[in-house]
Amino acid sequence: MPYVAVAEMARLMLDDPAGAHAAIWTWVGIGAGGAGLWLLLLVRSSRVGHYADAAILHDLRTRIVRHLGALPLGWFRAAGSGKVKRALTGDLEEMHEVIAHALGQLTGAVAVMVAGTG
C-alpha cells in the first residue's frame, strides 16, 4: 500500500501541483496506515512462523533422538559423530529458514503483486 500511495502522490503532483495539497496529505495518511498495517502483519506472521518452527523442529528432534536410541552402538562408531550432529543441528536449522521465514516472505510477495495488479 505505501508504494501505491507514493505512485498516486506522484501522479497528483504531475497532474496539478498547485491544487493537490489536500489529496497528497490523504495519500500520505493512506501510505502511513498501510505501512503500519504491513508492519503489524509482518510481526504477527513472524511470530506464528516461529511458533510453528519450534513445534515442528521439536517434534523432529524428538523423533530423531528416539530413533537414535534404538540403534545399536556399533552404528555410531561406523557412522561417526559428525553425521549425528549434522542430523540434530545443521540440517534442522536449515529448515528454520523455510518454516519460519520463507513462507511469510512468499505470502507477502504474492500479496503485494495481487494488490498492485488489481
N, C-alpha and C. Protein backbone atom coordinates (compact mmCIF):
# COMPACT_ATOMS: atom_id res chain seq x y z
N MET A 1 0.80 -1.19 0.00
CA MET A 1 0.00 0.00 0.00
C MET A 1 0.86 1.27 0.00
N PRO A 2 1.96 1.31 0.73
CA PRO A 2 2.77 2.53 0.67
C PRO A 2 3.26 2.85 -0.74
N TYR A 3 3.57 1.82 -1.53
CA TYR A 3 4.05 2.07 -2.89
C TYR A 3 2.94 2.64 -3.76
N VAL A 4 1.73 2.17 -3.57
CA VAL A 4 0.59 2.70 -4.32
C VAL A 4 0.37 4.16 -3.93
N ALA A 5 0.50 4.47 -2.64
CA ALA A 5 0.33 5.85 -2.18
C ALA A 5 1.38 6.76 -2.80
N VAL A 6 2.61 6.30 -2.85
CA VAL A 6 3.67 7.12 -3.46
C VAL A 6 3.39 7.33 -4.94
N ALA A 7 2.93 6.30 -5.63
CA ALA A 7 2.61 6.44 -7.05
C ALA A 7 1.46 7.43 -7.26
N GLU A 8 0.45 7.35 -6.39
CA GLU A 8 -0.67 8.28 -6.51
C GLU A 8 -0.24 9.72 -6.21
N MET A 9 0.63 9.89 -5.21
CA MET A 9 1.12 11.24 -4.92
C MET A 9 1.91 11.79 -6.10
N ALA A 10 2.70 10.95 -6.73
CA ALA A 10 3.46 11.39 -7.91
C ALA A 10 2.52 11.77 -9.04
N ARG A 11 1.48 10.97 -9.25
CA ARG A 11 0.50 11.27 -10.30
C ARG A 11 -0.19 12.60 -10.03
N LEU A 12 -0.59 12.82 -8.78
CA LEU A 12 -1.25 14.08 -8.41
C LEU A 12 -0.33 15.28 -8.63
N MET A 13 0.93 15.13 -8.25
CA MET A 13 1.88 16.23 -8.41
C MET A 13 2.15 16.53 -9.89
N LEU A 14 2.14 15.52 -10.72
CA LEU A 14 2.37 15.75 -12.15
C LEU A 14 1.14 16.35 -12.82
N ASP A 15 -0.07 15.96 -12.37
CA ASP A 15 -1.29 16.46 -12.99
C ASP A 15 -1.59 17.91 -12.58
N ASP A 16 -1.58 18.19 -11.26
CA ASP A 16 -1.96 19.51 -10.77
C ASP A 16 -1.19 19.81 -9.48
N PRO A 17 0.05 20.28 -9.59
CA PRO A 17 0.86 20.51 -8.40
C PRO A 17 0.26 21.54 -7.44
N ALA A 18 -0.42 22.54 -7.95
CA ALA A 18 -0.94 23.61 -7.08
C ALA A 18 -2.16 23.16 -6.29
N GLY A 19 -3.03 22.38 -6.88
CA GLY A 19 -4.28 22.02 -6.21
C GLY A 19 -4.27 20.65 -5.57
N ALA A 20 -3.13 20.03 -5.44
CA ALA A 20 -3.08 18.64 -4.96
C ALA A 20 -2.71 18.53 -3.49
N HIS A 21 -2.65 19.65 -2.77
CA HIS A 21 -2.17 19.63 -1.38
C HIS A 21 -3.01 18.72 -0.49
N ALA A 22 -4.31 18.86 -0.49
CA ALA A 22 -5.17 18.05 0.39
C ALA A 22 -5.14 16.58 -0.02
N ALA A 23 -5.17 16.32 -1.31
CA ALA A 23 -5.17 14.93 -1.79
C ALA A 23 -3.85 14.24 -1.46
N ILE A 24 -2.78 15.00 -1.53
CA ILE A 24 -1.47 14.41 -1.21
C ILE A 24 -1.42 14.01 0.25
N TRP A 25 -1.93 14.87 1.14
CA TRP A 25 -1.92 14.51 2.57
C TRP A 25 -2.83 13.31 2.84
N THR A 26 -3.89 13.18 2.06
CA THR A 26 -4.74 11.99 2.19
C THR A 26 -3.94 10.74 1.83
N TRP A 27 -3.18 10.82 0.73
CA TRP A 27 -2.37 9.67 0.32
C TRP A 27 -1.21 9.41 1.28
N VAL A 28 -0.70 10.47 1.91
CA VAL A 28 0.33 10.27 2.93
C VAL A 28 -0.26 9.47 4.09
N GLY A 29 -1.47 9.81 4.51
CA GLY A 29 -2.14 9.07 5.58
C GLY A 29 -2.41 7.62 5.19
N ILE A 30 -2.88 7.43 3.96
CA ILE A 30 -3.14 6.07 3.49
C ILE A 30 -1.84 5.27 3.44
N GLY A 31 -0.78 5.89 2.95
CA GLY A 31 0.52 5.19 2.89
C GLY A 31 1.05 4.86 4.27
N ALA A 32 0.93 5.80 5.21
CA ALA A 32 1.39 5.55 6.57
C ALA A 32 0.56 4.46 7.23
N GLY A 33 -0.75 4.50 7.01
CA GLY A 33 -1.62 3.44 7.55
C GLY A 33 -1.28 2.08 6.96
N GLY A 34 -1.03 2.06 5.66
CA GLY A 34 -0.65 0.81 5.00
C GLY A 34 0.67 0.27 5.51
N ALA A 35 1.62 1.19 5.74
CA ALA A 35 2.93 0.76 6.26
C ALA A 35 2.78 0.22 7.69
N GLY A 36 1.94 0.88 8.49
CA GLY A 36 1.71 0.38 9.85
C GLY A 36 1.03 -0.97 9.85
N LEU A 37 0.03 -1.14 8.98
CA LEU A 37 -0.65 -2.44 8.87
C LEU A 37 0.31 -3.51 8.39
N TRP A 38 1.16 -3.17 7.42
CA TRP A 38 2.16 -4.12 6.93
C TRP A 38 3.08 -4.57 8.06
N LEU A 39 3.54 -3.61 8.86
CA LEU A 39 4.43 -3.94 9.97
C LEU A 39 3.74 -4.83 10.99
N LEU A 40 2.50 -4.52 11.32
CA LEU A 40 1.74 -5.34 12.27
C LEU A 40 1.58 -6.77 11.74
N LEU A 41 1.20 -6.90 10.48
CA LEU A 41 1.03 -8.23 9.90
C LEU A 41 2.35 -8.99 9.80
N LEU A 42 3.44 -8.26 9.52
CA LEU A 42 4.76 -8.89 9.44
C LEU A 42 5.16 -9.47 10.80
N VAL A 43 4.95 -8.69 11.85
CA VAL A 43 5.30 -9.15 13.20
C VAL A 43 4.44 -10.35 13.59
N ARG A 44 3.14 -10.28 13.30
CA ARG A 44 2.25 -11.40 13.65
C ARG A 44 2.61 -12.67 12.88
N SER A 45 2.87 -12.52 11.58
CA SER A 45 3.20 -13.71 10.79
C SER A 45 4.55 -14.29 11.20
N SER A 46 5.49 -13.44 11.56
CA SER A 46 6.79 -13.93 12.02
C SER A 46 6.63 -14.70 13.32
N ARG A 47 5.78 -14.20 14.19
CA ARG A 47 5.53 -14.89 15.46
C ARG A 47 4.91 -16.26 15.22
N VAL A 48 3.90 -16.31 14.37
CA VAL A 48 3.25 -17.59 14.06
C VAL A 48 4.24 -18.54 13.40
N GLY A 49 5.04 -18.02 12.47
CA GLY A 49 6.03 -18.85 11.79
C GLY A 49 7.06 -19.42 12.75
N HIS A 50 7.50 -18.62 13.71
CA HIS A 50 8.50 -19.11 14.66
C HIS A 50 7.89 -20.11 15.65
N TYR A 51 6.64 -19.91 16.04
CA TYR A 51 5.98 -20.92 16.88
C TYR A 51 5.84 -22.25 16.13
N ALA A 52 5.44 -22.16 14.86
CA ALA A 52 5.33 -23.39 14.06
C ALA A 52 6.69 -24.05 13.90
N ASP A 53 7.71 -23.24 13.66
CA ASP A 53 9.06 -23.75 13.52
C ASP A 53 9.50 -24.49 14.78
N ALA A 54 9.27 -23.89 15.93
CA ALA A 54 9.67 -24.51 17.20
C ALA A 54 8.94 -25.83 17.41
N ALA A 55 7.65 -25.86 17.12
CA ALA A 55 6.88 -27.10 17.32
C ALA A 55 7.33 -28.20 16.36
N ILE A 56 7.52 -27.85 15.10
CA ILE A 56 7.92 -28.86 14.11
C ILE A 56 9.32 -29.39 14.40
N LEU A 57 10.27 -28.49 14.68
CA LEU A 57 11.64 -28.93 14.95
C LEU A 57 11.74 -29.71 16.25
N HIS A 58 10.93 -29.35 17.24
CA HIS A 58 10.93 -30.13 18.49
C HIS A 58 10.45 -31.55 18.21
N ASP A 59 9.38 -31.67 17.43
CA ASP A 59 8.86 -32.99 17.09
C ASP A 59 9.89 -33.80 16.30
N LEU A 60 10.54 -33.17 15.34
CA LEU A 60 11.55 -33.88 14.55
C LEU A 60 12.74 -34.31 15.40
N ARG A 61 13.21 -33.42 16.27
CA ARG A 61 14.33 -33.78 17.15
C ARG A 61 13.96 -34.93 18.08
N THR A 62 12.76 -34.89 18.61
CA THR A 62 12.30 -35.98 19.48
C THR A 62 12.27 -37.30 18.72
N ARG A 63 11.77 -37.27 17.50
CA ARG A 63 11.72 -38.50 16.70
C ARG A 63 13.12 -39.00 16.35
N ILE A 64 14.04 -38.07 16.04
CA ILE A 64 15.42 -38.47 15.71
C ILE A 64 16.09 -39.09 16.92
N VAL A 65 15.94 -38.46 18.08
CA VAL A 65 16.57 -38.99 19.30
C VAL A 65 15.98 -40.35 19.65
N ARG A 66 14.67 -40.50 19.49
CA ARG A 66 14.04 -41.80 19.75
C ARG A 66 14.60 -42.86 18.80
N HIS A 67 14.79 -42.49 17.55
CA HIS A 67 15.35 -43.43 16.57
C HIS A 67 16.81 -43.75 16.90
N LEU A 68 17.59 -42.72 17.26
CA LEU A 68 18.99 -42.95 17.60
C LEU A 68 19.12 -43.85 18.83
N GLY A 69 18.18 -43.74 19.74
CA GLY A 69 18.21 -44.59 20.93
C GLY A 69 17.99 -46.06 20.61
N ALA A 70 17.35 -46.35 19.50
CA ALA A 70 17.09 -47.74 19.13
C ALA A 70 18.21 -48.35 18.28
N LEU A 71 19.17 -47.53 17.86
CA LEU A 71 20.25 -48.04 17.02
C LEU A 71 21.29 -48.79 17.86
N PRO A 72 21.93 -49.79 17.28
CA PRO A 72 23.00 -50.47 18.01
C PRO A 72 24.22 -49.56 18.15
N LEU A 73 24.99 -49.75 19.20
CA LEU A 73 26.14 -48.89 19.46
C LEU A 73 27.18 -48.93 18.34
N GLY A 74 27.28 -50.03 17.65
CA GLY A 74 28.23 -50.15 16.55
C GLY A 74 27.92 -49.18 15.41
N TRP A 75 26.67 -48.82 15.27
CA TRP A 75 26.29 -47.89 14.20
C TRP A 75 26.95 -46.53 14.43
N PHE A 76 27.01 -46.09 15.68
CA PHE A 76 27.61 -44.78 15.99
C PHE A 76 29.10 -44.76 15.67
N ARG A 77 29.77 -45.88 15.92
CA ARG A 77 31.19 -45.94 15.62
C ARG A 77 31.40 -45.91 14.10
N ALA A 78 30.55 -46.63 13.37
CA ALA A 78 30.69 -46.68 11.91
C ALA A 78 30.28 -45.36 11.25
N ALA A 79 29.22 -44.75 11.75
CA ALA A 79 28.70 -43.53 11.12
C ALA A 79 29.50 -42.30 11.52
N GLY A 80 30.00 -42.27 12.73
CA GLY A 80 30.74 -41.10 13.21
C GLY A 80 29.82 -40.08 13.85
N SER A 81 30.41 -39.28 14.71
CA SER A 81 29.61 -38.30 15.44
C SER A 81 29.17 -37.14 14.55
N GLY A 82 29.89 -36.88 13.48
CA GLY A 82 29.53 -35.77 12.59
C GLY A 82 28.18 -35.95 11.94
N LYS A 83 27.86 -37.19 11.57
CA LYS A 83 26.58 -37.46 10.93
C LYS A 83 25.43 -37.24 11.92
N VAL A 84 25.64 -37.65 13.16
CA VAL A 84 24.62 -37.47 14.18
C VAL A 84 24.44 -35.98 14.48
N LYS A 85 25.54 -35.27 14.62
CA LYS A 85 25.47 -33.84 14.92
C LYS A 85 24.79 -33.08 13.78
N ARG A 86 25.12 -33.42 12.55
CA ARG A 86 24.51 -32.75 11.41
C ARG A 86 23.01 -33.00 11.38
N ALA A 87 22.60 -34.23 11.71
CA ALA A 87 21.17 -34.55 11.71
C ALA A 87 20.42 -33.78 12.79
N LEU A 88 21.03 -33.61 13.94
CA LEU A 88 20.35 -32.96 15.05
C LEU A 88 20.45 -31.44 15.02
N THR A 89 21.44 -30.89 14.38
CA THR A 89 21.59 -29.43 14.41
C THR A 89 21.57 -28.82 13.02
N GLY A 90 22.56 -29.11 12.22
CA GLY A 90 22.73 -28.43 10.93
C GLY A 90 21.55 -28.56 9.99
N ASP A 91 21.12 -29.78 9.72
CA ASP A 91 20.04 -29.99 8.78
C ASP A 91 18.73 -29.38 9.28
N LEU A 92 18.47 -29.52 10.57
CA LEU A 92 17.24 -28.97 11.12
C LEU A 92 17.27 -27.45 11.17
N GLU A 93 18.41 -26.86 11.44
CA GLU A 93 18.50 -25.41 11.49
C GLU A 93 18.30 -24.80 10.10
N GLU A 94 18.68 -25.52 9.07
CA GLU A 94 18.44 -25.04 7.71
C GLU A 94 16.94 -25.02 7.41
N MET A 95 16.21 -25.93 8.03
CA MET A 95 14.76 -25.95 7.86
C MET A 95 14.11 -24.72 8.49
N HIS A 96 14.76 -24.12 9.47
CA HIS A 96 14.23 -22.94 10.15
C HIS A 96 13.93 -21.82 9.15
N GLU A 97 14.82 -21.61 8.20
CA GLU A 97 14.62 -20.56 7.21
C GLU A 97 13.35 -20.78 6.41
N VAL A 98 13.10 -22.02 6.04
CA VAL A 98 11.93 -22.33 5.23
C VAL A 98 10.65 -22.20 6.06
N ILE A 99 10.65 -22.78 7.24
CA ILE A 99 9.44 -22.80 8.05
C ILE A 99 9.12 -21.42 8.61
N ALA A 100 10.07 -20.77 9.21
CA ALA A 100 9.81 -19.53 9.94
C ALA A 100 9.85 -18.28 9.07
N HIS A 101 10.60 -18.29 7.98
CA HIS A 101 10.80 -17.05 7.22
C HIS A 101 10.29 -17.10 5.79
N ALA A 102 10.63 -18.13 5.06
CA ALA A 102 10.36 -18.15 3.62
C ALA A 102 8.86 -18.12 3.31
N LEU A 103 8.05 -18.82 4.09
CA LEU A 103 6.62 -18.84 3.79
C LEU A 103 5.99 -17.46 3.99
N GLY A 104 6.41 -16.75 5.04
CA GLY A 104 5.90 -15.41 5.25
C GLY A 104 6.35 -14.44 4.18
N GLN A 105 7.59 -14.57 3.75
CA GLN A 105 8.09 -13.69 2.69
C GLN A 105 7.40 -13.97 1.37
N LEU A 106 7.15 -15.23 1.08
CA LEU A 106 6.44 -15.59 -0.15
C LEU A 106 5.02 -15.06 -0.13
N THR A 107 4.35 -15.20 1.00
CA THR A 107 2.98 -14.70 1.13
C THR A 107 2.95 -13.18 0.95
N GLY A 108 3.91 -12.48 1.56
CA GLY A 108 3.98 -11.04 1.40
C GLY A 108 4.22 -10.62 -0.04
N ALA A 109 5.10 -11.33 -0.72
CA ALA A 109 5.39 -11.01 -2.12
C ALA A 109 4.16 -11.21 -3.01
N VAL A 110 3.44 -12.31 -2.78
CA VAL A 110 2.23 -12.58 -3.56
C VAL A 110 1.17 -11.53 -3.26
N ALA A 111 1.01 -11.16 -1.99
CA ALA A 111 0.01 -10.16 -1.62
C ALA A 111 0.29 -8.81 -2.28
N VAL A 112 1.56 -8.42 -2.33
CA VAL A 112 1.91 -7.15 -2.97
C VAL A 112 1.62 -7.21 -4.45
N MET A 113 1.91 -8.32 -5.10
CA MET A 113 1.64 -8.43 -6.53
C MET A 113 0.14 -8.40 -6.80
N VAL A 114 -0.64 -9.09 -5.97
CA VAL A 114 -2.09 -9.11 -6.18
C VAL A 114 -2.68 -7.73 -5.92
N ALA A 115 -2.25 -7.07 -4.85
CA ALA A 115 -2.78 -5.73 -4.54
C ALA A 115 -2.34 -4.72 -5.60
N GLY A 116 -1.17 -4.88 -6.14
CA GLY A 116 -0.68 -3.93 -7.13
C GLY A 116 -1.30 -4.09 -8.50
N THR A 117 -1.75 -5.29 -8.82
CA THR A 117 -2.30 -5.51 -10.15
C THR A 117 -3.81 -5.47 -10.21
N GLY A 118 -4.44 -5.45 -9.08
CA GLY A 118 -5.89 -5.37 -9.25
C GLY A 118 -6.64 -5.50 -8.03
